[in-house]
Amino acid sequence: MGVEIIGTGIDLGHVAIENDLIESLAGLEAGWILEKTGITRRFAVDENQSARLLAANALDEALAQAKVQLSELDQLVVATYAHDKVFPSLASRLLTPLSYSKTQALDVQSNCTGFLNGIAVVHDRLTVDAHASIGAVVASEVNSRFVDKTDPNVASFFSDGAGAAILRTTERDAGIISRSFFGDTNNIETVELSRIPNEDGKTTENSPTGTIRQAGMGTWKQAVTNLPKAIHSALEKANLSLQDVDYFVFHQANVKLLEYLLAKMKIHPDRAIINVNEIGNMGAASIPIALHQARVDSKISNGDLVMFASVGAGFNFSALLWRL
């Protein structure tokens, strides 16, 4: 039995934030952000939007594309670290249109690797549970509420948005072929968001409560060292090579990082799905948004062999080789 992706959907924050605004607030020279990151703009929610609303809109679009009703879902997993409430789960809140639901609903939190962890959870449930045939994975982040717009190491990158995918069992050859998950806790505090004081009950200037902090060089080193390892590990398990992969969908951290990884691994840019230059880093939502746009643009289609790869704070690394 295989698992296919039959629908995708997205929703982005309504407010586009151009580079010149951040450069002005952070005291940067004009053109600095584009030169250093390759990003031209990012999105933020307005006063009427929330992580829940973004997630609901992305899920609704994916359900409509798949011709599936919310009540038909056997499992709903939401990946998020920047949402509205600690609990109840965002997944449960997405089910509120239903007074009763058979759906298993849960959130996962592994930062930017959340969508890949979530899609693996749903995929595996569908392959082992004879009573489950349809699942959904949603990733939704509202980063802007945790961004200091005067800090270019954060404000240059982070963006608000949600992406969703509907999965269904199928008799055709589709689904996860191999995977690689591992962690490297060196420099674990390189990227962090503190919502409560530190263990000693205090906050520091370098780690204020409620604000994302990122040390760019530490993050860069983790990504360029360990993402290739995750990808090669997944390929080795499948007895395949980089040349066998049709498309690569990376976590959309920044353009310069992706360009470096592609050059290091000798992957032609035409085989990579890149949209971070136009929408910024949307955390766990970046991969499903890139997947959706590639499907809509008919760049990737059923039968393609796709490598999904992501790095998340912690640091966590995920690579999924998927036959669409």
Protein backbone atom coordinates (compact mmCIF):
# COMPACT_ATOMS: atom_id res chain seq x y z
CA MET A 1 0.00 0.00 0.00
CA GLY A 2 1.24 3.47 -0.90
CA VAL A 3 0.42 6.96 0.34
CA GLU A 4 -0.19 9.80 -2.08
CA ILE A 5 -0.55 13.56 -1.67
CA ILE A 6 -3.91 14.47 -3.19
CA GLY A 7 -4.26 18.09 -2.19
CA THR A 8 -2.26 21.05 -0.94
CA GLY A 9 -3.11 24.55 0.20
CA ILE A 10 -1.48 27.68 1.60
CA ASP A 11 -2.24 31.01 3.23
CA LEU A 12 0.21 33.87 3.73
CA GLY A 13 0.14 36.86 6.02
CA HIS A 14 -1.64 39.82 4.42
CA VAL A 15 1.08 42.39 5.09
CA ALA A 16 4.11 42.37 2.78
CA ILE A 17 7.26 43.72 4.47
CA GLU A 18 9.87 44.93 2.01
CA ASN A 19 13.59 45.09 2.72
CA ASP A 20 13.76 48.88 2.86
CA LEU A 21 11.55 48.99 5.98
CA ILE A 22 13.74 46.56 7.92
CA GLU A 23 16.93 48.20 6.69
CA SER A 24 15.61 51.55 7.90
CA LEU A 25 14.60 50.23 11.34
CA ALA A 26 17.83 48.28 11.81
CA GLY A 27 20.09 51.06 10.55
CA LEU A 28 21.36 49.07 7.57
CA GLU A 29 22.55 50.33 4.21
CA ALA A 30 20.09 49.98 1.33
CA GLY A 31 20.51 46.61 -0.39
CA TRP A 32 22.20 44.93 2.59
CA ILE A 33 19.48 42.28 3.12
CA LEU A 34 19.31 41.25 -0.52
CA GLU A 35 23.09 41.00 -0.73
CA LYS A 36 23.41 38.91 2.44
CA THR A 37 20.30 36.72 2.22
CA GLY A 38 18.81 36.89 -1.29
CA ILE A 39 15.40 37.66 0.28
CA THR A 40 13.36 40.53 -1.17
CA ARG A 41 10.31 40.47 1.14
CA ARG A 42 8.48 38.56 3.81
CA PHE A 43 4.90 38.51 5.12
CA ALA A 44 3.22 39.29 8.42
CA VAL A 45 -0.31 38.79 9.69
CA ASP A 46 -2.61 41.76 10.14
CA GLU A 47 -4.79 42.40 13.19
CA ASN A 48 -7.51 40.06 11.87
CA GLN A 49 -5.24 37.06 11.28
CA SER A 50 -3.86 34.36 13.54
CA ALA A 51 -1.97 31.09 13.27
CA ARG A 52 -5.29 29.30 13.56
CA LEU A 53 -6.88 31.31 10.73
CA LEU A 54 -3.86 30.78 8.45
CA ALA A 55 -3.93 27.05 9.21
CA ALA A 56 -7.69 26.80 8.63
CA ASN A 57 -7.47 28.57 5.27
CA ALA A 58 -4.58 26.42 4.08
CA LEU A 59 -6.39 23.26 5.21
CA ASP A 60 -9.64 24.33 3.52
CA GLU A 61 -7.83 24.86 0.21
CA ALA A 62 -6.10 21.49 0.48
CA LEU A 63 -9.37 19.71 1.32
CA ALA A 64 -11.14 21.36 -1.60
CA GLN A 65 -8.36 20.38 -4.00
CA ALA A 66 -8.48 16.81 -2.70
CA LYS A 67 -12.30 16.72 -2.75
CA VAL A 68 -12.28 15.58 0.87
CA GLN A 69 -14.42 16.74 3.79
CA LEU A 70 -12.94 17.69 7.15
CA SER A 71 -15.05 14.99 8.80
CA GLU A 72 -13.37 12.31 6.64
CA LEU A 73 -9.93 12.82 8.15
CA ASP A 74 -8.67 9.94 10.26
CA GLN A 75 -5.71 11.95 11.51
CA LEU A 76 -4.75 15.63 11.60
CA VAL A 77 -1.24 16.68 12.61
CA VAL A 78 -0.27 20.33 12.93
CA ALA A 79 3.36 21.47 13.04
CA THR A 80 3.83 24.81 14.78
CA TYR A 81 6.01 26.65 17.27
CA ALA A 82 4.62 30.18 16.79
CA HIS A 83 0.87 29.90 17.26
CA ASP A 84 -1.79 31.51 19.43
CA LYS A 85 -2.17 29.21 22.45
CA VAL A 86 -0.09 26.73 24.39
CA PHE A 87 -3.15 24.47 24.56
CA PRO A 88 -5.56 23.20 23.43
CA SER A 89 -3.66 21.99 20.39
CA LEU A 90 -3.99 23.90 17.16
CA ALA A 91 -5.00 20.61 15.53
CA SER A 92 -7.97 20.29 17.88
CA ARG A 93 -8.95 23.88 17.27
CA LEU A 94 -9.06 23.24 13.52
CA LEU A 95 -11.74 20.63 14.16
CA THR A 96 -14.14 23.03 15.89
CA PRO A 97 -16.48 23.21 12.86
CA LEU A 98 -17.37 19.63 13.82
CA SER A 99 -19.33 18.96 16.99
CA TYR A 100 -17.94 15.42 16.99
CA SER A 101 -14.95 14.04 15.13
CA LYS A 102 -13.37 10.64 14.64
CA THR A 103 -10.11 12.46 13.83
CA GLN A 104 -6.99 11.91 15.90
CA ALA A 105 -5.66 15.46 16.35
CA LEU A 106 -2.24 16.44 17.65
CA ASP A 107 0.47 19.08 17.34
CA VAL A 108 4.18 18.45 16.83
CA GLN A 109 6.90 20.94 17.74
CA SER A 110 10.30 20.44 16.18
CA ASN A 111 10.77 23.93 14.81
CA CYS A 112 11.40 24.11 11.06
CA THR A 113 11.51 20.30 10.71
CA GLY A 114 7.93 20.08 12.02
CA PHE A 115 6.20 19.47 8.71
CA LEU A 116 8.48 16.58 7.77
CA ASN A 117 8.05 14.99 11.18
CA GLY A 118 4.29 15.49 10.90
CA ILE A 119 3.99 14.04 7.43
CA ALA A 120 6.02 11.00 8.53
CA VAL A 121 3.62 10.47 11.45
CA VAL A 122 0.55 10.59 9.20
CA HIS A 123 2.17 8.48 6.47
CA ASP A 124 3.05 5.75 8.94
CA ARG A 125 -0.40 5.75 10.55
CA LEU A 126 -2.02 5.28 7.15
CA THR A 127 0.27 2.39 6.24
CA VAL A 128 -0.20 0.40 9.46
CA ASP A 129 -3.82 1.13 10.43
CA ALA A 130 -6.30 -0.69 8.22
CA HIS A 131 -9.06 1.59 9.53
CA ALA A 132 -7.32 4.82 8.47
CA SER A 133 -7.12 5.98 4.87
CA ILE A 134 -7.05 9.81 4.86
CA GLY A 135 -4.90 12.22 6.86
CA ALA A 136 -3.79 15.82 6.83
CA VAL A 137 -0.67 17.69 7.84
CA VAL A 138 -0.69 21.44 8.41
CA ALA A 139 2.15 23.77 9.35
CA SER A 140 1.34 27.28 10.55
CA GLU A 141 3.64 29.95 11.93
CA VAL A 142 3.09 33.55 13.02
CA ASN A 143 6.72 34.54 13.52
CA SER A 144 6.14 38.29 13.27
CA ARG A 145 4.78 38.52 16.82
CA PHE A 146 8.13 37.26 18.10
CA VAL A 147 10.41 39.32 15.85
CA ASP A 148 12.39 42.37 16.89
CA LYS A 149 12.29 44.43 13.69
CA THR A 150 15.52 46.20 14.67
CA ASP A 151 17.45 42.89 14.74
CA PRO A 152 18.55 42.11 11.16
CA ASN A 153 19.61 38.56 12.14
CA VAL A 154 15.92 37.79 12.70
CA ALA A 155 13.81 40.43 10.96
CA SER A 156 15.51 39.86 7.60
CA PHE A 157 14.33 36.26 7.47
CA PHE A 158 11.18 35.31 9.36
CA SER A 159 7.74 35.40 7.78
CA ASP A 160 4.13 34.35 8.52
CA GLY A 161 2.23 31.67 6.66
CA ALA A 162 0.69 28.21 6.60
CA GLY A 163 0.76 25.20 4.31
CA ALA A 164 -1.26 21.98 4.27
CA ALA A 165 -1.24 18.59 2.56
CA ILE A 166 -3.87 15.86 2.34
CA LEU A 167 -2.63 12.27 2.27
CA ARG A 168 -4.54 9.18 1.15
CA THR A 169 -3.74 5.51 0.83
CA THR A 170 -3.34 4.23 -2.70
CA GLU A 171 -2.48 1.07 -4.58
CA ARG A 172 0.09 2.84 -6.73
CA ASP A 173 3.78 3.21 -5.89
CA ALA A 174 3.77 6.40 -3.80
CA GLY A 175 4.91 7.61 -0.40
CA ILE A 176 8.06 7.55 1.71
CA ILE A 177 10.83 5.42 0.24
CA SER A 178 13.38 6.22 2.92
CA ARG A 179 14.08 8.74 5.64
CA SER A 180 16.78 10.10 7.90
CA PHE A 181 16.23 11.91 11.21
CA PHE A 182 18.94 12.93 13.64
CA GLY A 183 19.97 15.72 15.98
CA ASP A 184 23.10 17.68 16.83
CA THR A 185 22.78 19.62 20.07
CA ASN A 186 26.02 21.53 19.65
CA ASN A 187 25.22 25.25 19.77
CA ILE A 188 21.67 24.39 20.81
CA GLU A 189 20.98 28.00 21.83
CA THR A 190 22.00 29.42 18.46
CA VAL A 191 18.30 29.80 17.58
CA GLU A 192 15.75 30.14 20.34
CA LEU A 193 12.49 31.68 21.44
CA SER A 194 11.99 32.06 25.19
CA ARG A 195 8.36 32.42 26.24
CA ILE A 196 9.17 32.14 29.95
CA PRO A 197 12.24 33.21 31.95
CA ASN A 198 15.35 31.07 31.89
CA GLU A 199 15.85 28.26 34.42
CA ASP A 200 17.24 30.74 36.96
CA GLY A 201 14.08 32.81 36.70
CA LYS A 202 15.78 35.62 34.82
CA THR A 203 15.94 36.89 31.26
CA THR A 204 19.05 38.32 29.68
CA GLU A 205 19.73 40.99 27.11
CA ASN A 206 20.81 38.26 24.68
CA SER A 207 17.70 36.12 25.23
CA PRO A 208 14.68 38.30 26.04
CA THR A 209 11.41 36.57 26.74
CA GLY A 210 9.07 36.49 23.76
CA THR A 211 11.65 37.34 21.08
CA ILE A 212 13.33 35.04 18.56
CA ARG A 213 17.12 35.14 18.78
CA GLN A 214 19.35 33.79 16.02
CA ALA A 215 23.10 33.66 15.57
CA GLY A 216 23.43 33.38 11.83
CA MET A 217 26.89 31.83 11.54
CA GLY A 218 26.12 29.03 14.02
CA THR A 219 22.94 28.19 12.15
CA TRP A 220 24.75 28.27 8.81
CA LYS A 221 27.46 25.87 9.99
CA GLN A 222 24.91 23.39 11.34
CA ALA A 223 22.90 23.44 8.10
CA VAL A 224 25.76 23.10 5.62
CA THR A 225 27.40 20.37 7.70
CA ASN A 226 24.42 18.19 8.58
CA LEU A 227 21.77 18.64 5.88
CA PRO A 228 23.96 16.88 3.27
CA LYS A 229 24.51 14.06 5.80
CA ALA A 230 20.75 13.62 6.24
CA ILE A 231 20.17 13.58 2.50
CA HIS A 232 22.96 11.10 1.76
CA SER A 233 21.78 8.86 4.61
CA ALA A 234 18.25 8.70 3.19
CA LEU A 235 19.60 7.98 -0.29
CA GLU A 236 21.93 5.26 0.99
CA LYS A 237 19.02 3.52 2.72
CA ALA A 238 17.16 3.49 -0.61
CA ASN A 239 20.27 2.45 -2.58
CA LEU A 240 19.87 5.56 -4.72
CA SER A 241 22.04 8.56 -5.61
CA LEU A 242 21.55 12.31 -5.90
CA GLN A 243 21.15 11.85 -9.65
CA ASP A 244 18.06 9.67 -9.12
CA VAL A 245 16.16 12.50 -7.41
CA ASP A 246 13.92 14.62 -9.65
CA TYR A 247 13.47 17.58 -7.28
CA PHE A 248 14.78 18.82 -3.96
CA VAL A 249 12.51 20.77 -1.61
CA PHE A 250 14.58 22.25 1.20
CA HIS A 251 13.50 24.23 4.22
CA GLN A 252 13.48 27.78 2.88
CA ALA A 253 15.93 29.42 5.29
CA ASN A 254 17.54 31.90 2.91
CA VAL A 255 18.66 32.00 -0.70
CA LYS A 256 22.40 32.19 -0.02
CA LEU A 257 22.29 29.09 2.17
CA LEU A 258 20.38 27.11 -0.45
CA GLU A 259 22.75 28.23 -3.20
CA TYR A 260 25.72 27.14 -1.09
CA LEU A 261 24.16 23.72 -0.38
CA LEU A 262 23.33 23.14 -4.05
CA ALA A 263 26.88 24.02 -5.11
CA LYS A 264 28.39 21.87 -2.35
CA MET A 265 26.28 18.85 -3.34
CA LYS A 266 26.62 19.53 -7.08
CA ILE A 267 22.85 19.77 -7.58
CA HIS A 268 21.71 21.90 -10.52
CA PRO A 269 19.51 24.81 -9.35
CA ASP A 270 16.77 23.76 -11.78
CA ARG A 271 16.22 20.66 -9.63
CA ALA A 272 15.54 22.68 -6.47
CA ILE A 273 12.27 24.35 -5.50
CA ILE A 274 13.15 27.80 -4.12
CA ASN A 275 10.67 30.51 -3.11
CA VAL A 276 12.29 32.04 -0.01
CA ASN A 277 13.45 35.02 -2.07
CA GLU A 278 9.83 36.09 -2.50
CA ILE A 279 8.18 35.06 0.78
CA GLY A 280 10.87 34.71 3.46
CA ASN A 281 11.45 31.94 6.00
CA MET A 282 8.11 30.58 7.19
CA GLY A 283 9.46 28.05 9.65
CA ALA A 284 7.71 24.68 9.54
CA ALA A 285 5.35 26.06 6.88
CA SER A 286 8.09 26.72 4.33
CA ILE A 287 8.24 23.20 2.85
CA PRO A 288 4.47 22.68 2.37
CA ILE A 289 4.18 26.16 0.83
CA ALA A 290 7.03 25.40 -1.59
CA LEU A 291 5.43 22.03 -2.39
CA HIS A 292 2.05 23.63 -3.07
CA GLN A 293 3.49 26.28 -5.37
CA ALA A 294 5.50 23.67 -7.28
CA ARG A 295 2.34 21.57 -7.76
CA VAL A 296 0.27 24.55 -8.89
CA ASP A 297 3.00 25.57 -11.35
CA SER A 298 3.14 21.95 -12.63
CA LYS A 299 6.84 21.84 -11.87
CA ILE A 300 6.44 18.58 -9.98
CA SER A 301 3.80 15.93 -10.50
CA ASN A 302 2.78 12.38 -9.57
CA GLY A 303 5.55 9.88 -10.11
CA ASP A 304 8.37 12.31 -9.39
CA LEU A 305 10.99 11.34 -6.83
CA VAL A 306 11.30 14.25 -4.39
CA MET A 307 13.78 14.78 -1.58
CA PHE A 308 12.42 16.90 1.27
CA ALA A 309 15.11 18.16 3.66
CA SER A 310 14.96 20.48 6.63
CA VAL A 311 16.97 21.85 9.54
CA GLY A 312 15.33 23.10 12.71
CA ALA A 313 16.45 24.65 15.97
CA GLY A 314 17.83 22.12 18.39
CA PHE A 315 19.39 21.24 15.97
CA ASN A 316 17.14 18.71 14.24
CA PHE A 317 17.69 17.38 10.73
CA SER A 318 15.13 15.59 8.57
CA ALA A 319 15.28 14.12 5.07
CA LEU A 320 12.38 12.28 3.43
CA LEU A 321 12.62 10.64 0.02
CA TRP A 322 9.07 10.58 -1.35
CA ARG A 323 7.60 9.14 -4.53
CA LEU A 324 4.75 11.52 -5.40
